[in-house]
Amino acid sequence: MTIFDEMSYTALAGQIVSFIALGFCIVGFASKRDDRLMALLISANVAFALQFALFGSWTAAVLSLLVIGRIMLARRYAGNWQVMLAVLAVNLVAAVLTWRSPVDFFAIAAAIFGTFGMFMLRGIPMRLMLAAAAVAWMLNNIAIGSMGGTLAEGMVLVTNFLTIYRLARMKRRYSEAFGNPKKPDA
């Protein structure tokens, strides 16, 4: 007898959908291109929203769907404080309307980190803020019992930090090769 034998069909479906989201996240965070990352995050968030709905975590489900609009707005209005604040306000209204328990704070924190990161940051700083959002989503997944979602966010963190390392290394090499050579010690 396995843990899956004791799950309802709805919970099992939630686990399966979370693994689909995992695939989108890994491919997205492995990309060095912000555009590709954003496009793959849209697909992942559709899957995550469905997973949260299957687990009855309605605040997380709605906020995951709102991430899709946030991604599109952040691409068009990068750096725009007014649009970012409007997105945050919509997220907070949605959270108030769907609130069920203190666990929903994790989804709200993830929405705030993700919104700020996508609107105001690029490259490594954006990925660091998205890592903070991933930690909040991971805590939400642990709290609702989503094994696949927890694993997905853990893999997002690992993949994200590997990409941050690659970007930092690439930046350092470019800087040394083209504009900021190391000076010999005097």
Protein backbone atom coordinates (compact mmCIF):
# COMPACT_ATOMS: atom_id res chain seq x y z
CA MET A 1 0.00 0.00 0.00
CA THR A 2 1.40 3.39 -1.00
CA ILE A 3 0.54 6.92 0.01
CA PHE A 4 -1.15 7.32 -3.39
CA ASP A 5 -3.59 4.51 -2.58
CA GLU A 6 -4.99 6.59 0.28
CA MET A 7 -5.49 9.74 -1.83
CA SER A 8 -8.75 10.81 -3.34
CA TYR A 9 -8.88 11.02 -7.13
CA THR A 10 -8.96 14.81 -6.83
CA ALA A 11 -5.81 14.91 -4.69
CA LEU A 12 -4.08 12.46 -7.04
CA ALA A 13 -5.03 14.63 -10.01
CA GLY A 14 -3.60 17.64 -8.14
CA GLN A 15 -0.30 15.79 -7.69
CA ILE A 16 -0.14 14.86 -11.39
CA VAL A 17 -0.87 18.42 -12.52
CA SER A 18 1.82 19.75 -10.18
CA PHE A 19 4.42 17.56 -11.92
CA ILE A 20 3.38 19.03 -15.27
CA ALA A 21 3.95 22.49 -13.78
CA LEU A 22 7.35 21.29 -12.57
CA GLY A 23 8.43 20.58 -16.14
CA PHE A 24 7.48 24.07 -17.32
CA CYS A 25 9.31 25.65 -14.37
CA ILE A 26 12.55 23.76 -14.87
CA VAL A 27 12.74 24.60 -18.56
CA GLY A 28 11.86 28.25 -17.85
CA PHE A 29 14.34 28.86 -15.06
CA ALA A 30 17.08 27.06 -16.99
CA SER A 31 16.76 29.69 -19.71
CA LYS A 32 19.12 32.66 -19.70
CA ARG A 33 16.51 34.69 -21.61
CA ASP A 34 13.98 36.59 -19.51
CA ASP A 35 11.39 36.41 -22.35
CA ARG A 36 11.44 32.63 -22.46
CA LEU A 37 11.31 32.44 -18.65
CA MET A 38 8.17 34.59 -18.62
CA ALA A 39 6.43 32.58 -21.37
CA LEU A 40 7.07 29.26 -19.63
CA LEU A 41 5.95 30.68 -16.29
CA ILE A 42 2.56 31.42 -17.86
CA SER A 43 2.12 27.74 -18.71
CA ALA A 44 3.35 26.65 -15.29
CA ASN A 45 0.92 28.96 -13.52
CA VAL A 46 -2.06 27.56 -15.39
CA ALA A 47 -1.02 24.12 -14.12
CA PHE A 48 -0.36 25.41 -10.59
CA ALA A 49 -3.76 27.15 -10.48
CA LEU A 50 -5.45 23.89 -11.45
CA GLN A 51 -3.42 22.02 -8.83
CA PHE A 52 -4.39 24.47 -6.09
CA ALA A 53 -8.06 24.27 -7.11
CA LEU A 54 -7.89 20.48 -6.91
CA PHE A 55 -6.52 20.81 -3.37
CA GLY A 56 -9.19 23.38 -2.42
CA SER A 57 -6.62 26.15 -1.88
CA TRP A 58 -8.66 28.90 -3.53
CA THR A 59 -6.49 31.91 -2.66
CA ALA A 60 -3.46 30.18 -4.15
CA ALA A 61 -5.47 29.13 -7.22
CA VAL A 62 -6.73 32.66 -7.93
CA LEU A 63 -3.35 34.28 -7.25
CA SER A 64 -1.68 31.76 -9.58
CA LEU A 65 -4.09 32.75 -12.35
CA LEU A 66 -3.40 36.42 -11.65
CA VAL A 67 0.32 35.69 -12.13
CA ILE A 68 -0.45 35.17 -15.82
CA GLY A 69 -1.81 38.70 -16.19
CA ARG A 70 1.04 40.01 -14.07
CA ILE A 71 3.62 38.44 -16.38
CA MET A 72 2.04 40.03 -19.45
CA LEU A 73 1.71 43.43 -17.77
CA ALA A 74 5.25 43.30 -16.36
CA ARG A 75 6.65 42.64 -19.82
CA ARG A 76 4.83 45.62 -21.27
CA TYR A 77 5.10 48.01 -18.30
CA ALA A 78 8.46 47.07 -16.79
CA GLY A 79 9.52 49.58 -14.15
CA ASN A 80 6.07 51.21 -13.95
CA TRP A 81 5.20 51.69 -10.27
CA GLN A 82 1.56 52.62 -10.94
CA VAL A 83 0.82 49.43 -12.88
CA MET A 84 2.72 47.35 -10.32
CA LEU A 85 0.70 48.86 -7.45
CA ALA A 86 -2.54 48.22 -9.37
CA VAL A 87 -1.54 44.56 -9.83
CA LEU A 88 -0.74 44.28 -6.11
CA ALA A 89 -4.12 45.82 -5.25
CA VAL A 90 -5.97 43.31 -7.45
CA ASN A 91 -4.03 40.48 -5.79
CA LEU A 92 -4.92 41.71 -2.31
CA VAL A 93 -8.62 42.08 -3.20
CA ALA A 94 -8.62 38.55 -4.65
CA ALA A 95 -6.92 37.25 -1.50
CA VAL A 96 -9.47 38.92 0.77
CA LEU A 97 -12.35 37.45 -1.27
CA THR A 98 -10.94 33.90 -1.24
CA TRP A 99 -9.34 33.84 2.23
CA ARG A 100 -9.82 30.59 4.14
CA SER A 101 -6.94 30.24 6.62
CA PRO A 102 -3.56 31.64 7.70
CA VAL A 103 -1.96 29.30 5.13
CA ASP A 104 -3.16 31.80 2.52
CA PHE A 105 -0.49 34.23 3.76
CA PHE A 106 2.10 32.16 1.88
CA ALA A 107 0.33 32.69 -1.45
CA ILE A 108 -0.02 36.41 -0.71
CA ALA A 109 3.70 36.71 0.10
CA ALA A 110 4.55 34.87 -3.12
CA ALA A 111 2.34 37.26 -5.09
CA ILE A 112 4.04 40.31 -3.57
CA PHE A 113 7.59 39.01 -4.16
CA GLY A 114 6.80 37.92 -7.69
CA THR A 115 5.05 41.15 -8.62
CA PHE A 116 7.86 43.37 -7.37
CA GLY A 117 10.51 41.18 -9.00
CA MET A 118 8.86 41.06 -12.39
CA PHE A 119 7.99 44.76 -12.58
CA MET A 120 11.06 46.32 -11.03
CA LEU A 121 13.97 43.96 -11.57
CA ARG A 122 15.75 42.13 -14.39
CA GLY A 123 18.38 39.41 -14.68
CA ILE A 124 19.89 38.13 -11.43
CA PRO A 125 17.99 40.48 -9.05
CA MET A 126 14.68 39.42 -10.63
CA ARG A 127 15.56 35.75 -10.24
CA LEU A 128 16.48 36.31 -6.57
CA MET A 129 13.08 37.87 -5.92
CA LEU A 130 11.40 35.02 -7.81
CA ALA A 131 13.35 32.63 -5.57
CA ALA A 132 11.76 34.32 -2.53
CA ALA A 133 8.36 33.82 -4.18
CA ALA A 134 9.23 30.15 -4.77
CA VAL A 135 10.02 29.70 -1.06
CA ALA A 136 6.61 31.16 -0.18
CA TRP A 137 4.88 28.90 -2.73
CA MET A 138 6.84 25.92 -1.35
CA LEU A 139 5.61 26.66 2.17
CA ASN A 140 2.06 26.89 0.80
CA ASN A 141 2.46 23.52 -0.93
CA ILE A 142 3.84 21.91 2.23
CA ALA A 143 0.92 23.30 4.24
CA ILE A 144 -1.74 21.93 1.86
CA GLY A 145 0.01 18.57 1.43
CA SER A 146 1.03 18.87 -2.22
CA MET A 147 4.05 16.63 -2.68
CA GLY A 148 4.39 17.47 -6.35
CA GLY A 149 3.99 21.19 -5.76
CA THR A 150 6.59 21.14 -3.00
CA LEU A 151 9.01 19.27 -5.24
CA ALA A 152 8.22 21.64 -8.11
CA GLU A 153 9.11 24.71 -6.05
CA GLY A 154 12.24 23.01 -4.69
CA MET A 155 13.34 22.25 -8.24
CA VAL A 156 12.47 25.82 -9.26
CA LEU A 157 14.79 27.07 -6.51
CA VAL A 158 17.65 24.77 -7.50
CA THR A 159 17.27 25.50 -11.22
CA ASN A 160 16.89 29.22 -10.56
CA PHE A 161 20.06 29.37 -8.44
CA LEU A 162 22.02 27.38 -11.05
CA THR A 163 20.92 29.90 -13.69
CA ILE A 164 21.87 32.80 -11.40
CA TYR A 165 25.33 31.22 -11.04
CA ARG A 166 25.63 30.81 -14.83
CA LEU A 167 24.53 34.40 -15.44
CA ALA A 168 27.00 35.74 -12.85
CA ARG A 169 29.81 33.68 -14.38
CA MET A 170 28.89 34.86 -17.88
CA LYS A 171 28.78 38.49 -16.69
CA ARG A 172 32.18 38.14 -15.02
CA ARG A 173 33.74 36.61 -18.15
CA TYR A 174 32.25 39.30 -20.38
CA SER A 175 33.44 42.03 -18.04
CA GLU A 176 36.98 40.63 -17.97
CA ALA A 177 37.10 40.13 -21.74
CA PHE A 178 35.61 43.43 -22.90
CA GLY A 179 35.64 46.17 -20.40
CA ASN A 180 36.92 45.64 -16.96
CA PRO A 181 40.27 43.85 -17.12
CA LYS A 182 41.91 42.94 -13.85
CA LYS A 183 44.81 45.18 -12.96
CA PRO A 184 48.05 43.53 -11.88
CA ASP A 185 48.90 43.86 -8.22
CA ALA A 186 51.33 46.70 -7.57
